[in-house]
Amino acid sequence: MYAGQFTPVVPARSGPRHDEGVSPVADIEQARATFAKFDADGDGRVTPDEFKRAMAEMGDHLVTGPMAEAVIKAKDSDGDGLMSFDEFWTSVQG
């Protein structure tokens, strides 16, 4: 898995899309569960170290510190150096 892609981290939908009758609540709850895997300390923010660690736990041992920092920076819309759930949710919306 490429560290900059979150879509594979959130399990693929096998059913219809939101506009086809599936509740968006189910998707956001699934995204919250995935985000929790990254947010090791549960503070609502993902650091580059947490991101790197989570990716390794999911089998991607090739994510380096600089790669993790770049991914977080790319998703960090408020410039705090961390990724909030809202920033994560925005990134998985595509």
C-alpha atoms as a PDB file:
ATOM      1  CA  MET A   1       0.000   0.000   0.000  1.00  0.00           C
ATOM      2  CA  TYR A   2       1.259   3.456  -0.887  1.00  0.00           C
ATOM      3  CA  ALA A   3       1.418   5.625   2.221  1.00  0.00           C
ATOM      4  CA  GLY A   4      -0.342   8.547   0.557  1.00  0.00           C
ATOM      5  CA  GLN A   5      -3.439   6.533  -0.242  1.00  0.00           C
ATOM      6  CA  PHE A   6      -6.130   6.168   2.361  1.00  0.00           C
ATOM      7  CA  THR A   7      -8.788   4.606   0.206  1.00  0.00           C
ATOM      8  CA  PRO A   8      -7.369   1.064   0.595  1.00  0.00           C
ATOM      9  CA  VAL A   9      -7.128   1.570   4.360  1.00  0.00           C
ATOM     10  CA  VAL A  10     -10.861   2.169   4.608  1.00  0.00           C
ATOM     11  CA  PRO A  11     -12.435  -1.119   3.470  1.00  0.00           C
ATOM     12  CA  ALA A  12     -13.897  -0.972   0.002  1.00  0.00           C
ATOM     13  CA  ARG A  13     -17.624  -0.695  -0.329  1.00  0.00           C
ATOM     14  CA  SER A  14     -19.203  -3.792  -1.758  1.00  0.00           C
ATOM     15  CA  GLY A  15     -22.687  -2.353  -2.021  1.00  0.00           C
ATOM     16  CA  PRO A  16     -24.334   0.687  -3.507  1.00  0.00           C
ATOM     17  CA  ARG A  17     -23.059   4.228  -3.065  1.00  0.00           C
ATOM     18  CA  HIS A  18     -24.722   6.873  -0.831  1.00  0.00           C
ATOM     19  CA  ASP A  19     -26.744   8.184  -3.702  1.00  0.00           C
ATOM     20  CA  GLU A  20     -27.964   4.621  -4.255  1.00  0.00           C
ATOM     21  CA  GLY A  21     -29.542   4.217  -0.814  1.00  0.00           C
ATOM     22  CA  VAL A  22     -26.694   3.380   1.585  1.00  0.00           C
ATOM     23  CA  SER A  23     -26.561   5.418   4.761  1.00  0.00           C
ATOM     24  CA  PRO A  24     -23.564   7.791   4.985  1.00  0.00           C
ATOM     25  CA  VAL A  25     -23.573   7.122   8.740  1.00  0.00           C
ATOM     26  CA  ALA A  26     -22.258   3.599   8.098  1.00  0.00           C
ATOM     27  CA  ASP A  27     -19.376   4.967   6.052  1.00  0.00           C
ATOM     28  CA  ILE A  28     -18.417   7.621   8.589  1.00  0.00           C
ATOM     29  CA  GLU A  29     -18.487   5.072  11.410  1.00  0.00           C
ATOM     30  CA  GLN A  30     -16.234   2.800   9.375  1.00  0.00           C
ATOM     31  CA  ALA A  31     -13.914   5.758   8.774  1.00  0.00           C
ATOM     32  CA  ARG A  32     -13.889   6.564  12.513  1.00  0.00           C
ATOM     33  CA  ALA A  33     -12.859   2.983  13.279  1.00  0.00           C
ATOM     34  CA  THR A  34     -10.065   3.201  10.717  1.00  0.00           C
ATOM     35  CA  PHE A  35      -8.932   6.583  12.035  1.00  0.00           C
ATOM     36  CA  ALA A  36      -8.753   5.090  15.534  1.00  0.00           C
ATOM     37  CA  LYS A  37      -6.180   2.584  14.245  1.00  0.00           C
ATOM     38  CA  PHE A  38      -3.934   5.531  13.366  1.00  0.00           C
ATOM     39  CA  ASP A  39      -4.689   7.622  16.461  1.00  0.00           C
ATOM     40  CA  ALA A  40      -2.761   5.452  18.926  1.00  0.00           C
ATOM     41  CA  ASP A  41      -3.133   7.747  21.931  1.00  0.00           C
ATOM     42  CA  GLY A  42      -6.780   8.576  21.223  1.00  0.00           C
ATOM     43  CA  ASP A  43      -6.300  12.342  21.310  1.00  0.00           C
ATOM     44  CA  GLY A  44      -8.158  12.930  18.041  1.00  0.00           C
ATOM     45  CA  ARG A  45      -5.019  13.773  16.053  1.00  0.00           C
ATOM     46  CA  VAL A  46      -2.592  11.576  14.119  1.00  0.00           C
ATOM     47  CA  THR A  47       1.096  12.424  14.286  1.00  0.00           C
ATOM     48  CA  PRO A  48       3.590  11.322  11.646  1.00  0.00           C
ATOM     49  CA  ASP A  49       4.953   8.756  14.142  1.00  0.00           C
ATOM     50  CA  GLU A  50       1.478   7.349  14.773  1.00  0.00           C
ATOM     51  CA  PHE A  51       0.873   7.173  11.030  1.00  0.00           C
ATOM     52  CA  LYS A  52       4.170   5.364  10.419  1.00  0.00           C
ATOM     53  CA  ARG A  53       3.504   2.911  13.265  1.00  0.00           C
ATOM     54  CA  ALA A  54      -0.041   2.155  12.077  1.00  0.00           C
ATOM     55  CA  MET A  55       1.121   1.559   8.525  1.00  0.00           C
ATOM     56  CA  ALA A  56       3.762  -0.886   9.818  1.00  0.00           C
ATOM     57  CA  GLU A  57       1.114  -2.679  11.891  1.00  0.00           C
ATOM     58  CA  MET A  58      -0.984  -3.017   8.731  1.00  0.00           C
ATOM     59  CA  GLY A  59       1.966  -4.549   6.901  1.00  0.00           C
ATOM     60  CA  ASP A  60       3.591  -1.562   5.183  1.00  0.00           C
ATOM     61  CA  HIS A  61       7.034  -1.485   6.774  1.00  0.00           C
ATOM     62  CA  LEU A  62       8.402   0.712   3.987  1.00  0.00           C
ATOM     63  CA  VAL A  63       6.832   3.941   5.258  1.00  0.00           C
ATOM     64  CA  THR A  64       9.674   6.096   6.550  1.00  0.00           C
ATOM     65  CA  GLY A  65       9.491   9.046   8.916  1.00  0.00           C
ATOM     66  CA  PRO A  66       9.832  11.572   6.080  1.00  0.00           C
ATOM     67  CA  MET A  67       7.130   9.763   4.081  1.00  0.00           C
ATOM     68  CA  ALA A  68       4.773   9.829   7.066  1.00  0.00           C
ATOM     69  CA  GLU A  69       5.481  13.537   7.569  1.00  0.00           C
ATOM     70  CA  ALA A  70       4.733  14.210   3.896  1.00  0.00           C
ATOM     71  CA  VAL A  71       1.424  12.324   4.060  1.00  0.00           C
ATOM     72  CA  ILE A  72       0.323  14.153   7.199  1.00  0.00           C
ATOM     73  CA  LYS A  73       1.387  17.489   5.723  1.00  0.00           C
ATOM     74  CA  ALA A  74      -0.607  16.781   2.551  1.00  0.00           C
ATOM     75  CA  LYS A  75      -3.765  16.051   4.576  1.00  0.00           C
ATOM     76  CA  ASP A  76      -3.220  18.785   7.201  1.00  0.00           C
ATOM     77  CA  SER A  77      -5.526  21.607   6.132  1.00  0.00           C
ATOM     78  CA  ASP A  78      -5.149  23.708   9.307  1.00  0.00           C
ATOM     79  CA  GLY A  79      -1.336  23.645   9.381  1.00  0.00           C
ATOM     80  CA  ASP A  80      -0.931  22.187  12.877  1.00  0.00           C
ATOM     81  CA  GLY A  81       1.316  19.342  11.686  1.00  0.00           C
ATOM     82  CA  LEU A  82      -1.275  16.721  12.645  1.00  0.00           C
ATOM     83  CA  MET A  83      -4.189  15.011  10.928  1.00  0.00           C
ATOM     84  CA  SER A  84      -7.594  15.366  12.578  1.00  0.00           C
ATOM     85  CA  PHE A  85     -10.527  13.086  11.859  1.00  0.00           C
ATOM     86  CA  ASP A  86     -12.110  15.811   9.719  1.00  0.00           C
ATOM     87  CA  GLU A  87      -8.950  16.027   7.616  1.00  0.00           C
ATOM     88  CA  PHE A  88      -8.853  12.223   7.368  1.00  0.00           C
ATOM     89  CA  TRP A  89     -12.549  12.092   6.394  1.00  0.00           C
ATOM     90  CA  THR A  90     -11.979  14.704   3.711  1.00  0.00           C
ATOM     91  CA  SER A  91      -9.097  12.657   2.303  1.00  0.00           C
ATOM     92  CA  VAL A  92     -11.106   9.427   2.065  1.00  0.00           C
ATOM     93  CA  GLN A  93     -14.015  11.178   0.370  1.00  0.00           C
ATOM     94  CA  GLY A  94     -11.833  11.401  -2.713  1.00  0.00           C
END
